[in-house]
N, C-alpha and C. Protein backbone atom coordinates (compact mmCIF):
# COMPACT_ATOMS: atom_id res chain seq x y z
N MET A 1 0.82 -1.19 0.00
CA MET A 1 0.00 0.00 0.00
C MET A 1 0.87 1.26 0.00
N ASP A 2 2.02 1.20 0.66
CA ASP A 2 2.90 2.37 0.71
C ASP A 2 3.38 2.76 -0.69
N HIS A 3 3.66 1.75 -1.52
CA HIS A 3 4.10 2.04 -2.90
C HIS A 3 2.99 2.75 -3.67
N ILE A 4 1.77 2.34 -3.45
CA ILE A 4 0.63 2.98 -4.13
C ILE A 4 0.53 4.44 -3.69
N LEU A 5 0.61 4.67 -2.39
CA LEU A 5 0.51 6.04 -1.88
C LEU A 5 1.66 6.91 -2.39
N ASP A 6 2.86 6.33 -2.44
CA ASP A 6 4.00 7.06 -2.96
C ASP A 6 3.79 7.44 -4.43
N SER A 7 3.30 6.50 -5.20
CA SER A 7 3.06 6.76 -6.63
C SER A 7 1.95 7.79 -6.83
N LEU A 8 0.96 7.78 -5.98
CA LEU A 8 -0.13 8.75 -6.09
C LEU A 8 0.37 10.18 -5.89
N SER A 9 1.40 10.32 -5.08
CA SER A 9 1.92 11.66 -4.81
C SER A 9 2.65 12.25 -6.01
N LYS A 10 2.92 11.43 -7.01
CA LYS A 10 3.63 11.92 -8.20
C LYS A 10 2.99 11.42 -9.49
N LEU A 11 1.66 11.40 -9.53
CA LEU A 11 0.94 10.90 -10.69
C LEU A 11 1.36 11.56 -11.99
N SER A 12 1.51 12.86 -11.96
CA SER A 12 1.82 13.59 -13.20
C SER A 12 3.21 13.24 -13.74
N GLU A 13 4.07 12.68 -12.91
CA GLU A 13 5.42 12.31 -13.33
C GLU A 13 5.50 10.89 -13.90
N LEU A 14 4.45 10.10 -13.70
CA LEU A 14 4.47 8.71 -14.14
C LEU A 14 4.17 8.58 -15.63
N SER A 15 4.81 7.61 -16.25
CA SER A 15 4.53 7.33 -17.66
C SER A 15 3.19 6.61 -17.77
N HIS A 16 2.71 6.49 -18.98
CA HIS A 16 1.44 5.78 -19.21
C HIS A 16 1.55 4.34 -18.70
N ASP A 17 2.67 3.70 -18.99
CA ASP A 17 2.87 2.32 -18.53
C ASP A 17 2.91 2.23 -17.01
N GLU A 18 3.53 3.20 -16.37
CA GLU A 18 3.57 3.22 -14.91
C GLU A 18 2.18 3.43 -14.32
N LEU A 19 1.38 4.27 -14.97
CA LEU A 19 0.00 4.47 -14.51
C LEU A 19 -0.81 3.19 -14.65
N THR A 20 -0.60 2.47 -15.74
CA THR A 20 -1.29 1.21 -15.96
C THR A 20 -0.89 0.20 -14.88
N GLU A 21 0.39 0.13 -14.58
CA GLU A 21 0.87 -0.78 -13.54
C GLU A 21 0.30 -0.38 -12.18
N LEU A 22 0.27 0.90 -11.90
CA LEU A 22 -0.31 1.38 -10.64
C LEU A 22 -1.79 0.99 -10.55
N SER A 23 -2.51 1.14 -11.63
CA SER A 23 -3.91 0.75 -11.68
C SER A 23 -4.06 -0.74 -11.38
N ASN A 24 -3.20 -1.55 -11.97
CA ASN A 24 -3.24 -3.00 -11.71
C ASN A 24 -2.95 -3.32 -10.25
N GLN A 25 -2.02 -2.60 -9.66
CA GLN A 25 -1.69 -2.81 -8.24
C GLN A 25 -2.86 -2.44 -7.35
N ILE A 26 -3.52 -1.35 -7.69
CA ILE A 26 -4.68 -0.91 -6.90
C ILE A 26 -5.78 -1.96 -6.96
N VAL A 27 -6.05 -2.46 -8.16
CA VAL A 27 -7.09 -3.47 -8.33
C VAL A 27 -6.74 -4.73 -7.53
N ALA A 28 -5.49 -5.16 -7.60
CA ALA A 28 -5.06 -6.35 -6.87
C ALA A 28 -5.22 -6.16 -5.36
N GLU A 29 -4.83 -5.00 -4.86
CA GLU A 29 -4.97 -4.72 -3.42
C GLU A 29 -6.45 -4.69 -3.02
N PHE A 30 -7.27 -4.06 -3.86
CA PHE A 30 -8.70 -3.99 -3.58
C PHE A 30 -9.31 -5.38 -3.56
N ASP A 31 -8.98 -6.18 -4.57
CA ASP A 31 -9.51 -7.55 -4.64
C ASP A 31 -9.11 -8.35 -3.41
N SER A 32 -7.87 -8.21 -3.00
CA SER A 32 -7.39 -8.91 -1.82
C SER A 32 -8.17 -8.49 -0.57
N ALA A 33 -8.38 -7.21 -0.43
CA ALA A 33 -9.11 -6.70 0.74
C ALA A 33 -10.58 -7.11 0.71
N SER A 34 -11.18 -7.11 -0.47
CA SER A 34 -12.61 -7.42 -0.56
C SER A 34 -12.90 -8.91 -0.44
N GLU A 35 -11.91 -9.77 -0.67
CA GLU A 35 -12.11 -11.21 -0.57
C GLU A 35 -11.98 -11.74 0.84
N SER A 36 -11.56 -10.90 1.74
CA SER A 36 -11.38 -11.31 3.13
C SER A 36 -12.74 -11.59 3.78
N ASP A 37 -12.79 -12.66 4.56
CA ASP A 37 -14.01 -12.99 5.29
C ASP A 37 -14.17 -12.11 6.53
N ASP A 38 -13.09 -11.47 6.93
CA ASP A 38 -13.08 -10.64 8.13
C ASP A 38 -13.20 -9.17 7.74
N VAL A 39 -14.43 -8.68 7.66
CA VAL A 39 -14.66 -7.28 7.29
C VAL A 39 -14.60 -6.43 8.56
N THR A 40 -13.69 -5.48 8.54
CA THR A 40 -13.51 -4.60 9.69
C THR A 40 -13.61 -3.14 9.22
N VAL A 41 -13.67 -2.26 10.17
CA VAL A 41 -13.67 -0.83 9.85
C VAL A 41 -12.41 -0.48 9.08
N GLU A 42 -11.29 -1.08 9.48
CA GLU A 42 -10.02 -0.81 8.81
C GLU A 42 -10.01 -1.31 7.37
N SER A 43 -10.57 -2.50 7.14
CA SER A 43 -10.57 -3.03 5.77
C SER A 43 -11.48 -2.22 4.86
N VAL A 44 -12.59 -1.76 5.40
CA VAL A 44 -13.49 -0.92 4.60
C VAL A 44 -12.81 0.42 4.30
N ALA A 45 -12.12 0.97 5.27
CA ALA A 45 -11.39 2.23 5.05
C ALA A 45 -10.30 2.03 4.00
N ARG A 46 -9.63 0.90 4.04
CA ARG A 46 -8.59 0.59 3.05
C ARG A 46 -9.18 0.48 1.65
N MET A 47 -10.33 -0.19 1.53
CA MET A 47 -10.98 -0.32 0.22
C MET A 47 -11.44 1.04 -0.29
N THR A 48 -11.92 1.89 0.61
CA THR A 48 -12.33 3.24 0.22
C THR A 48 -11.13 4.03 -0.27
N GLU A 49 -10.01 3.91 0.43
CA GLU A 49 -8.79 4.60 0.03
C GLU A 49 -8.31 4.10 -1.34
N LEU A 50 -8.41 2.81 -1.56
CA LEU A 50 -8.02 2.25 -2.85
C LEU A 50 -8.95 2.71 -3.97
N ALA A 51 -10.24 2.79 -3.69
CA ALA A 51 -11.19 3.28 -4.69
C ALA A 51 -10.88 4.74 -5.03
N ASP A 52 -10.57 5.53 -4.04
CA ASP A 52 -10.19 6.93 -4.27
C ASP A 52 -8.90 7.01 -5.09
N ALA A 53 -7.97 6.11 -4.81
CA ALA A 53 -6.71 6.07 -5.57
C ALA A 53 -6.98 5.75 -7.03
N MET A 54 -7.88 4.80 -7.27
CA MET A 54 -8.22 4.45 -8.66
C MET A 54 -8.87 5.64 -9.36
N ASP A 55 -9.72 6.36 -8.66
CA ASP A 55 -10.33 7.57 -9.24
C ASP A 55 -9.25 8.56 -9.65
N SER A 56 -8.24 8.72 -8.83
CA SER A 56 -7.15 9.65 -9.15
C SER A 56 -6.38 9.21 -10.39
N VAL A 57 -6.12 7.91 -10.50
CA VAL A 57 -5.41 7.39 -11.67
C VAL A 57 -6.26 7.60 -12.93
N LYS A 58 -7.54 7.28 -12.84
CA LYS A 58 -8.43 7.46 -13.99
C LYS A 58 -8.50 8.93 -14.41
N GLN A 59 -8.54 9.83 -13.43
CA GLN A 59 -8.59 11.26 -13.74
C GLN A 59 -7.31 11.71 -14.43
N GLU A 60 -6.17 11.22 -13.97
CA GLU A 60 -4.90 11.58 -14.59
C GLU A 60 -4.86 11.07 -16.04
N LEU A 61 -5.32 9.87 -16.27
CA LEU A 61 -5.36 9.34 -17.64
C LEU A 61 -6.30 10.16 -18.52
N ALA A 62 -7.44 10.55 -17.98
CA ALA A 62 -8.41 11.36 -18.73
C ALA A 62 -7.82 12.73 -19.06
N ASN A 63 -7.12 13.32 -18.10
CA ASN A 63 -6.48 14.62 -18.33
C ASN A 63 -5.45 14.54 -19.45
N ARG A 64 -4.73 13.47 -19.50
CA ARG A 64 -3.70 13.29 -20.55
C ARG A 64 -4.34 13.13 -21.92
N GLU A 65 -5.48 12.49 -21.97
CA GLU A 65 -6.16 12.29 -23.26
C GLU A 65 -6.68 13.60 -23.85
N THR A 66 -7.00 14.55 -22.99
CA THR A 66 -7.54 15.81 -23.47
C THR A 66 -6.47 16.83 -23.81
N GLN A 67 -5.22 16.50 -23.53
CA GLN A 67 -4.12 17.45 -23.80
C GLN A 67 -3.59 17.27 -25.18
């Protein structure tokens, strides 16, 4: 998760391939968290944070397409 947060802090510096890889990492982390039988406040917060991270990646990709 720390790598994801670090990458989010520099989205505009990442290449398209790096953004794609980051997106894949976010999805994998989300899937892992959502497949757990033990749903806690922390796991829900983590999934929310990951969903927000994916929104940021999608927005960065959309911004690049319009430039």
